[in-house]
Amino acid sequence: MSNLNSVMARNVLNVGYPKTLMLALLIIATLFCGPYVEAHAEGPTVVQEFTFASMGSGAEFITRGHNDTFLVGGGAYPVMLVDLKGHQLWQHTSQSDPDMLAHLYDGVEMPDGGFLLCGEEITHPRLRRPGVAPQHRTLLLQLSADGHEISHRHVSDDPQTENIINSIQKITRWGTGFAAVGVARRARPNPQNVIPAPPPEEFVVVVKLDRAGHVEWSHELPTDLQAMQFVTKPLVTADGSLIVGGLNNFPRKTYFVTISPSGTPLSDATFDQFAQIVSASKPSNQLLLAFLDEQLVPRQITALTTQYKVLSQFELPDSRITFHRMLQAAGGGLVLFGKNEDGARPPGVAYYPVGGGTVNEMNLPQHDYIMYGFVDAAPTSNPRLFVAVHNAISIGMQPGTLKPQFSAVIVSLIRIPD
């Protein structure tokens, strides 16, 4: 990977065809391998694409399950399970409190093949009053492997919880159970009974859950992470520790902390720019960070020990794709999934090979949509095949309304070259 800085060069391939040839290719591809999409011979290729009707407010995450199935969900319900052939295996809509609006932010597969989803419930807009802050409470939703709801509960209901946690944003497998990263709030002192009362103090907590999703412990993270506005997906290291990161906009800063299995902070580091964890397919004894510029485009990859000692660094070439998810491909190459800088095009994919070759970028297929939102990506059992999901809103509105005529969740299968 250290040779990347001397061999990378931007190479955006744009392939155009006459309409008649495109139509013929579309018919052939549909007959033999499903929907046709533009191919890039030397870079990432979208081999197939599936479109699903929009789910509530659209998808926000994708989580890999067993046998290359993928849970797609987020925002308002429902969630759905799809396979690599584009089949929707099931869809689930939770029977939550009608006075609360539910949002799902992340999910993870459980040992029995079911899923544990996390998020929050917020007072429904129709019940909100001016000057009164809406109520927030955590949501842990457990689904069986066939999509049936097993439990719907709140972390604050558990007597093991030390803090009033209002939202869980990220969750991952940790040991025999799970680690969830959430946001907690507590009221600030108001001895003079000032109206309106001061806004609550917010801070980040890590919640350890057992294999059934019940709370074992929760700990507030160190002071430097309390003001963070976003949290990253936790990373489990080879020695069983957990790395949690947080990002803050003003001033722009990233903070990471390593936590022992018992919840004790072991080491930490602060960076004066945005950094994101590069997701690995298995636990690692090192941390791979992508450092981002002002437009959130990756500019540098840094490898560190879990005690945050720098092992190596290399610069990335210019790119028009902003960071949303970066995954490792076969042989150690990096695959970047994100939005285009101008926001007018569909999301894009960039492939950074290791040990030679060029860096290739591509757009996902163009459709008759006016707005695209990149959501997430996940690896498959094939180290060169990835699944990406994004939302799209169509041109035109429903008659007599301000609602889009059509909106969709689009799932793309992306192959990385050998």
Protein backbone atom coordinates (compact mmCIF):
# COMPACT_ATOMS: atom_id res chain seq x y z
CA MET A 1 0.00 0.00 0.00
CA SER A 2 2.92 2.32 0.57
CA ASN A 3 3.65 2.34 -3.20
CA LEU A 4 0.34 3.98 -3.98
CA ASN A 5 1.60 7.54 -3.82
CA SER A 6 3.98 6.96 -6.76
CA VAL A 7 1.62 5.08 -9.05
CA MET A 8 -1.80 6.68 -8.62
CA ALA A 9 -3.20 8.91 -11.32
CA ARG A 10 -6.73 9.97 -12.00
CA ASN A 11 -8.32 8.19 -14.95
CA VAL A 12 -12.01 8.85 -15.41
CA LEU A 13 -13.44 6.68 -18.16
CA ASN A 14 -16.52 7.93 -19.98
CA VAL A 15 -17.96 5.58 -22.57
CA GLY A 16 -20.60 6.91 -24.97
CA TYR A 17 -22.67 5.03 -27.55
CA PRO A 18 -25.27 5.91 -30.23
CA LYS A 19 -28.84 5.51 -29.02
CA THR A 20 -29.52 2.57 -31.36
CA LEU A 21 -26.52 0.66 -30.06
CA MET A 22 -27.46 1.49 -26.47
CA LEU A 23 -30.96 0.12 -27.06
CA ALA A 24 -29.56 -3.11 -28.50
CA LEU A 25 -27.18 -3.49 -25.58
CA LEU A 26 -30.03 -2.83 -23.15
CA ILE A 27 -32.15 -5.60 -24.70
CA ILE A 28 -29.27 -8.09 -24.74
CA ALA A 29 -28.21 -7.32 -21.17
CA THR A 30 -31.78 -7.54 -19.89
CA LEU A 31 -32.28 -10.94 -21.54
CA PHE A 32 -29.05 -12.49 -20.31
CA CYS A 33 -27.91 -10.71 -17.15
CA GLY A 34 -30.56 -8.24 -16.01
CA PRO A 35 -30.72 -4.44 -16.36
CA TYR A 36 -27.95 -2.95 -18.51
CA VAL A 37 -25.73 -0.27 -17.04
CA GLU A 38 -22.64 1.49 -18.35
CA ALA A 39 -19.44 -0.54 -18.02
CA HIS A 40 -15.90 0.72 -17.48
CA ALA A 41 -13.42 -1.79 -18.80
CA GLU A 42 -10.49 -0.82 -16.57
CA GLY A 43 -12.31 0.28 -13.47
CA PRO A 44 -15.35 -0.50 -11.33
CA THR A 45 -18.31 -1.89 -13.24
CA VAL A 46 -21.96 -1.84 -12.28
CA VAL A 47 -22.98 -5.36 -13.29
CA GLN A 48 -26.59 -5.12 -12.19
CA GLU A 49 -29.02 -2.68 -10.64
CA PHE A 50 -32.34 -3.11 -8.85
CA THR A 51 -34.92 -0.43 -8.11
CA PHE A 52 -37.35 -0.61 -5.18
CA ALA A 53 -40.15 1.76 -4.27
CA SER A 54 -39.05 4.29 -1.68
CA MET A 55 -39.39 3.15 1.93
CA GLY A 56 -40.75 5.92 4.12
CA SER A 57 -38.11 8.65 4.02
CA GLY A 58 -35.71 6.40 2.11
CA ALA A 59 -32.88 4.10 3.09
CA GLU A 60 -30.00 5.13 5.36
CA PHE A 61 -27.88 1.99 5.70
CA ILE A 62 -27.18 -1.47 4.32
CA THR A 63 -26.13 -4.42 6.48
CA ARG A 64 -24.86 -7.76 5.24
CA GLY A 65 -26.62 -10.89 6.50
CA HIS A 66 -25.95 -14.59 5.95
CA ASN A 67 -25.72 -16.14 2.44
CA ASP A 68 -25.15 -12.73 0.83
CA THR A 69 -28.46 -11.24 1.86
CA PHE A 70 -28.60 -7.55 2.74
CA LEU A 71 -30.83 -5.60 5.08
CA VAL A 72 -31.68 -2.18 3.64
CA GLY A 73 -33.39 0.38 5.82
CA GLY A 74 -33.23 3.53 7.82
CA GLY A 75 -35.17 6.72 8.27
CA ALA A 76 -38.81 5.89 8.77
CA TYR A 77 -39.92 2.27 8.46
CA PRO A 78 -40.03 -0.19 6.74
CA VAL A 79 -36.83 -2.22 6.29
CA MET A 80 -36.34 -4.97 3.72
CA LEU A 81 -34.07 -7.94 3.09
CA VAL A 82 -32.79 -8.42 -0.48
CA ASP A 83 -30.41 -10.86 -2.19
CA LEU A 84 -27.86 -10.48 -4.96
CA LYS A 85 -30.50 -11.34 -7.58
CA GLY A 86 -32.61 -8.38 -6.58
CA HIS A 87 -35.30 -10.41 -4.84
CA GLN A 88 -37.01 -8.78 -1.88
CA LEU A 89 -37.15 -11.66 0.60
CA TRP A 90 -39.24 -9.79 3.17
CA GLN A 91 -40.23 -6.36 4.36
CA HIS A 92 -40.96 -5.30 7.91
CA THR A 93 -42.95 -2.39 9.29
CA SER A 94 -42.79 -1.99 13.06
CA GLN A 95 -45.84 -1.31 15.19
CA SER A 96 -44.27 1.51 17.15
CA ASP A 97 -45.92 4.11 19.36
CA PRO A 98 -48.24 6.17 17.07
CA ASP A 99 -47.28 9.32 18.99
CA MET A 100 -43.59 8.83 18.14
CA LEU A 101 -41.79 8.95 14.80
CA ALA A 102 -39.15 6.22 14.51
CA HIS A 103 -35.78 6.56 12.78
CA LEU A 104 -33.35 3.69 12.21
CA TYR A 105 -29.66 4.56 11.79
CA ASP A 106 -27.78 1.25 11.69
CA GLY A 107 -28.11 -2.52 12.01
CA VAL A 108 -26.09 -5.69 12.55
CA GLU A 109 -26.70 -9.40 12.00
CA MET A 110 -27.24 -11.51 15.13
CA PRO A 111 -25.77 -15.02 15.68
CA ASP A 112 -29.13 -16.66 14.86
CA GLY A 113 -29.38 -14.90 11.48
CA GLY A 114 -31.76 -12.22 12.72
CA PHE A 115 -30.94 -8.51 12.96
CA LEU A 116 -30.54 -5.96 15.73
CA LEU A 117 -31.39 -2.42 14.56
CA CYS A 118 -30.77 0.81 16.41
CA GLY A 119 -32.03 4.37 16.24
CA GLU A 120 -34.41 6.65 18.09
CA GLU A 121 -38.03 7.65 18.40
CA ILE A 122 -38.97 11.35 18.34
CA THR A 123 -42.25 13.02 19.24
CA HIS A 124 -44.49 12.96 16.16
CA PRO A 125 -44.60 16.37 14.40
CA ARG A 126 -48.39 16.60 14.84
CA LEU A 127 -47.90 16.59 18.64
CA ARG A 128 -45.07 19.09 18.89
CA ARG A 129 -45.69 22.48 20.50
CA PRO A 130 -43.82 25.77 19.96
CA GLY A 131 -41.08 26.31 22.54
CA VAL A 132 -41.22 22.70 23.77
CA ALA A 133 -38.38 20.39 22.80
CA PRO A 134 -39.53 17.10 21.25
CA GLN A 135 -39.01 13.94 23.27
CA HIS A 136 -36.18 11.62 22.15
CA ARG A 137 -35.75 8.02 23.23
CA THR A 138 -33.59 5.16 22.02
CA LEU A 139 -34.86 2.36 19.86
CA LEU A 140 -33.51 -1.20 19.73
CA LEU A 141 -35.48 -3.35 17.29
CA GLN A 142 -34.78 -7.08 17.09
CA LEU A 143 -36.00 -8.99 14.02
CA SER A 144 -35.90 -12.72 13.33
CA ALA A 145 -34.19 -14.17 10.26
CA ASP A 146 -37.54 -14.17 8.44
CA GLY A 147 -38.38 -10.57 9.34
CA HIS A 148 -40.71 -10.99 12.31
CA GLU A 149 -40.39 -8.57 15.21
CA ILE A 150 -39.02 -10.20 18.38
CA SER A 151 -38.64 -7.12 20.55
CA HIS A 152 -39.05 -3.34 20.41
CA ARG A 153 -37.49 -1.64 23.39
CA HIS A 154 -35.55 1.34 24.65
CA VAL A 155 -32.12 1.30 26.30
CA SER A 156 -33.45 3.65 29.00
CA ASP A 157 -35.80 0.85 30.05
CA ASP A 158 -32.82 -1.26 31.15
CA PRO A 159 -31.69 -0.88 34.81
CA GLN A 160 -28.03 -1.44 33.78
CA THR A 161 -27.95 1.87 31.91
CA GLU A 162 -26.06 4.64 33.71
CA ASN A 163 -27.10 7.49 31.41
CA ILE A 164 -30.32 8.79 29.87
CA ILE A 165 -29.54 7.73 26.30
CA ASN A 166 -31.74 9.26 23.62
CA SER A 167 -30.32 7.91 20.40
CA ILE A 168 -28.13 5.03 19.24
CA GLN A 169 -26.42 5.87 15.96
CA LYS A 170 -24.04 2.97 15.25
CA ILE A 171 -23.85 -0.69 16.21
CA THR A 172 -21.38 -3.53 15.53
CA ARG A 173 -20.55 -7.05 16.71
CA TRP A 174 -18.17 -7.08 19.71
CA GLY A 175 -17.04 -10.30 21.33
CA THR A 176 -20.07 -12.47 22.02
CA GLY A 177 -22.37 -9.44 21.94
CA PHE A 178 -22.56 -5.98 20.44
CA ALA A 179 -21.23 -2.45 20.89
CA ALA A 180 -23.57 0.49 20.30
CA VAL A 181 -22.55 4.15 20.17
CA GLY A 182 -25.18 6.64 21.20
CA VAL A 183 -25.93 10.19 22.21
CA ALA A 184 -27.12 10.97 25.73
CA ARG A 185 -28.61 14.18 27.07
CA ARG A 186 -28.88 15.56 30.57
CA ALA A 187 -30.50 18.77 31.77
CA ARG A 188 -28.25 21.73 32.51
CA PRO A 189 -28.62 23.51 35.88
CA ASN A 190 -31.31 26.21 35.80
CA PRO A 191 -31.47 27.60 39.36
CA GLN A 192 -33.22 30.81 38.23
CA ASN A 193 -35.90 28.84 36.34
CA VAL A 194 -35.14 30.75 33.15
CA ILE A 195 -37.69 30.20 30.36
CA PRO A 196 -36.92 28.70 27.97
CA ALA A 197 -34.59 26.42 29.90
CA PRO A 198 -30.97 26.03 28.69
CA PRO A 199 -30.59 23.31 26.04
CA PRO A 200 -29.55 19.94 27.46
CA GLU A 201 -25.93 18.87 27.54
CA GLU A 202 -25.14 16.17 24.99
CA PHE A 203 -22.38 13.58 25.20
CA VAL A 204 -21.38 10.31 23.56
CA VAL A 205 -21.75 6.94 25.26
CA VAL A 206 -20.78 3.37 24.40
CA VAL A 207 -23.32 0.69 25.33
CA LYS A 208 -22.25 -2.97 25.60
CA LEU A 209 -25.05 -5.39 24.70
CA ASP A 210 -25.11 -9.15 25.22
CA ARG A 211 -25.85 -11.62 22.40
CA ALA A 212 -29.58 -11.16 22.99
CA GLY A 213 -29.32 -7.37 22.74
CA HIS A 214 -29.70 -6.60 26.46
CA VAL A 215 -27.53 -3.95 28.13
CA GLU A 216 -24.47 -5.14 30.09
CA TRP A 217 -23.00 -1.69 30.73
CA SER A 218 -22.82 1.83 29.34
CA HIS A 219 -20.02 4.35 29.75
CA GLU A 220 -19.68 8.02 28.92
CA LEU A 221 -16.73 8.66 26.64
CA PRO A 222 -13.90 11.08 27.52
CA THR A 223 -14.50 14.83 27.50
CA ASP A 224 -12.99 15.49 24.06
CA LEU A 225 -15.69 13.35 22.44
CA GLN A 226 -18.63 14.92 24.26
CA ALA A 227 -19.07 17.78 21.80
CA MET A 228 -18.83 15.62 18.69
CA GLN A 229 -21.73 15.97 16.26
CA PHE A 230 -21.27 12.68 14.41
CA VAL A 231 -19.92 9.29 15.42
CA THR A 232 -18.21 6.74 13.21
CA LYS A 233 -18.96 3.03 12.95
CA PRO A 234 -16.92 1.34 15.72
CA LEU A 235 -14.00 -0.88 14.70
CA VAL A 236 -13.05 -4.05 16.60
CA THR A 237 -9.30 -4.68 16.75
CA ALA A 238 -7.49 -8.02 16.73
CA ASP A 239 -6.98 -7.92 20.51
CA GLY A 240 -10.71 -7.39 21.16
CA SER A 241 -10.60 -3.66 21.88
CA LEU A 242 -13.05 -1.21 20.34
CA ILE A 243 -12.18 2.00 18.48
CA VAL A 244 -14.83 4.72 18.45
CA GLY A 245 -14.51 8.00 16.59
CA GLY A 246 -16.39 11.28 16.56
CA LEU A 247 -16.42 14.28 14.20
CA ASN A 248 -17.07 17.92 15.02
CA ASN A 249 -17.74 20.70 12.50
CA PHE A 250 -16.86 23.86 14.46
CA PRO A 251 -13.95 23.67 14.84
CA ARG A 252 -13.33 20.82 12.40
CA LYS A 253 -11.86 18.02 14.47
CA THR A 254 -11.87 14.22 14.79
CA TYR A 255 -11.39 12.32 18.02
CA PHE A 256 -10.73 8.58 18.47
CA VAL A 257 -10.66 6.49 21.62
CA THR A 258 -9.72 2.82 22.14
CA ILE A 259 -11.86 1.00 24.73
CA SER A 260 -11.21 -2.31 26.48
CA PRO A 261 -13.89 -5.06 26.55
CA SER A 262 -14.75 -3.92 30.10
CA GLY A 263 -15.33 -0.33 28.96
CA THR A 264 -12.08 1.25 30.15
CA PRO A 265 -10.54 3.90 27.81
CA LEU A 266 -7.02 2.75 26.87
CA SER A 267 -5.73 5.45 24.53
CA ASP A 268 -7.00 8.31 22.41
CA ALA A 269 -6.01 10.77 19.68
CA THR A 270 -7.28 14.07 18.28
CA PHE A 271 -6.84 15.31 14.69
CA ASP A 272 -7.50 18.86 13.47
CA GLN A 273 -9.33 17.66 10.35
CA PHE A 274 -11.99 15.15 9.41
CA ALA A 275 -10.92 11.51 9.37
CA GLN A 276 -12.95 8.38 8.76
CA ILE A 277 -12.22 4.74 9.49
CA VAL A 278 -11.63 2.57 6.43
CA SER A 279 -13.77 -0.47 7.04
CA ALA A 280 -11.96 -3.81 7.13
CA SER A 281 -13.50 -7.23 6.52
CA LYS A 282 -12.01 -8.68 9.72
CA PRO A 283 -10.41 -7.46 12.96
CA SER A 284 -7.05 -5.79 12.48
CA ASN A 285 -4.10 -4.84 14.67
CA GLN A 286 -3.91 -1.48 12.92
CA LEU A 287 -6.24 1.42 12.20
CA LEU A 288 -6.59 2.69 8.64
CA LEU A 289 -7.85 6.29 8.42
CA ALA A 290 -8.89 8.37 5.43
CA PHE A 291 -8.27 12.09 5.99
CA LEU A 292 -10.70 14.40 4.17
CA ASP A 293 -10.43 17.92 2.75
CA GLU A 294 -12.95 20.76 3.15
CA GLN A 295 -15.23 19.19 0.52
CA LEU A 296 -15.01 15.79 2.29
CA VAL A 297 -12.93 14.30 -0.53
CA PRO A 298 -10.30 11.78 0.73
CA ARG A 299 -6.77 13.18 0.43
CA GLN A 300 -4.58 10.91 2.53
CA ILE A 301 -4.58 7.37 3.92
CA THR A 302 -2.78 6.84 7.22
CA ALA A 303 -2.10 3.53 8.92
CA LEU A 304 -1.76 3.67 12.73
CA THR A 305 -1.39 1.25 15.59
CA THR A 306 -4.34 0.95 17.94
CA GLN A 307 -2.34 3.26 20.24
CA TYR A 308 -2.41 5.85 17.36
CA LYS A 309 1.28 5.65 16.41
CA VAL A 310 1.66 6.40 12.70
CA LEU A 311 2.98 3.46 10.67
CA SER A 312 2.70 4.80 7.13
CA GLN A 313 1.05 7.54 5.07
CA PHE A 314 0.34 8.14 1.40
CA GLU A 315 -1.43 10.86 -0.53
CA LEU A 316 -4.46 10.24 -2.72
CA PRO A 317 -4.94 11.95 -6.10
CA ASP A 318 -7.64 14.50 -6.89
CA SER A 319 -11.15 13.12 -6.92
CA ARG A 320 -14.66 14.42 -7.54
CA ILE A 321 -16.20 11.87 -5.17
CA THR A 322 -16.79 12.74 -1.53
CA PHE A 323 -16.36 10.24 1.28
CA HIS A 324 -19.25 8.18 2.54
CA ARG A 325 -17.84 4.67 2.83
CA MET A 326 -14.43 3.21 1.99
CA LEU A 327 -13.97 -0.56 1.96
CA GLN A 328 -11.01 -2.82 1.32
CA ALA A 329 -11.09 -4.99 -1.81
CA ALA A 330 -9.20 -8.14 -2.76
CA GLY A 331 -5.45 -7.69 -2.44
CA GLY A 332 -5.77 -4.62 -0.25
CA GLY A 333 -7.12 -2.12 -2.79
CA LEU A 334 -9.52 0.56 -1.60
CA VAL A 335 -13.02 1.23 -2.91
CA LEU A 336 -14.57 4.64 -2.23
CA PHE A 337 -18.34 5.16 -2.33
CA GLY A 338 -19.78 8.67 -2.16
CA LYS A 339 -21.50 11.62 -3.78
CA ASN A 340 -20.25 13.71 -6.67
CA GLU A 341 -18.99 17.13 -5.57
CA ASP A 342 -21.60 19.05 -7.58
CA GLY A 343 -24.46 16.92 -6.24
CA ALA A 344 -26.24 16.95 -9.61
CA ARG A 345 -24.97 13.58 -10.81
CA PRO A 346 -25.66 10.12 -9.40
CA PRO A 347 -23.31 8.86 -6.68
CA GLY A 348 -19.87 7.66 -7.71
CA VAL A 349 -17.36 4.91 -7.03
CA ALA A 350 -13.55 5.17 -7.11
CA TYR A 351 -11.13 2.24 -7.03
CA TYR A 352 -7.58 2.65 -5.71
CA PRO A 353 -5.55 -0.48 -6.63
CA VAL A 354 -2.46 -1.51 -4.71
CA GLY A 355 0.98 -1.94 -6.22
CA GLY A 356 0.34 -0.32 -9.60
CA GLY A 357 -2.30 0.61 -12.14
CA THR A 358 -4.48 3.69 -12.32
CA VAL A 359 -7.20 5.08 -10.10
CA ASN A 360 -10.58 4.75 -11.77
CA GLU A 361 -13.81 6.61 -11.04
CA MET A 362 -17.30 6.01 -12.33
CA ASN A 363 -20.83 7.32 -11.82
CA LEU A 364 -23.70 5.04 -11.00
CA PRO A 365 -26.27 4.96 -13.83
CA GLN A 366 -28.17 8.14 -14.69
CA HIS A 367 -31.96 8.10 -14.43
CA ASP A 368 -34.78 10.62 -14.70
CA TYR A 369 -34.25 11.87 -11.18
CA ILE A 370 -33.61 15.37 -9.91
CA MET A 371 -31.93 14.43 -6.68
CA TYR A 372 -29.61 11.66 -5.54
CA GLY A 373 -28.52 10.78 -2.03
CA PHE A 374 -25.77 8.25 -1.41
CA VAL A 375 -26.53 5.95 1.49
CA ASP A 376 -24.11 3.11 2.13
CA ALA A 377 -22.20 0.12 0.77
CA ALA A 378 -21.30 -3.37 1.97
CA PRO A 379 -18.96 -6.19 0.90
CA THR A 380 -20.14 -9.58 -0.34
CA SER A 381 -18.60 -13.05 -0.02
CA ASN A 382 -16.83 -12.28 -3.32
CA PRO A 383 -13.94 -9.91 -2.42
CA ARG A 384 -14.36 -8.13 -5.78
CA LEU A 385 -18.13 -7.62 -5.60
CA PHE A 386 -19.80 -4.91 -3.51
CA VAL A 387 -23.38 -3.79 -2.94
CA ALA A 388 -24.20 -0.08 -2.84
CA VAL A 389 -27.54 1.55 -2.05
CA HIS A 390 -28.73 5.10 -2.71
CA ASN A 391 -31.95 7.11 -2.81
CA ALA A 392 -33.35 9.03 -5.77
CA ILE A 393 -36.25 11.43 -6.32
CA SER A 394 -37.89 11.76 -9.75
CA ILE A 395 -38.61 14.75 -11.94
CA GLY A 396 -42.19 15.97 -11.59
CA MET A 397 -44.65 16.09 -8.71
CA GLN A 398 -47.83 14.22 -7.93
CA PRO A 399 -50.90 16.13 -9.22
CA GLY A 400 -52.06 18.73 -6.71
CA THR A 401 -49.23 18.00 -4.24
CA LEU A 402 -45.62 18.91 -3.56
CA LYS A 403 -44.64 15.24 -3.31
CA PRO A 404 -42.34 13.74 -5.96
CA GLN A 405 -44.04 11.70 -8.65
CA PHE A 406 -41.73 8.81 -7.93
CA SER A 407 -38.93 8.08 -5.50
CA ALA A 408 -36.81 4.99 -5.23
CA VAL A 409 -34.20 3.04 -3.34
CA ILE A 410 -31.62 1.80 -5.85
CA VAL A 411 -29.36 -1.19 -5.10
CA SER A 412 -26.30 -1.62 -7.34
CA LEU A 413 -23.89 -4.56 -7.65
CA ILE A 414 -20.39 -3.25 -8.34
CA ARG A 415 -17.46 -5.34 -9.50
CA ILE A 416 -13.83 -4.35 -9.00
CA PRO A 417 -11.33 -5.40 -11.72
CA ASP A 418 -8.97 -8.33 -11.17
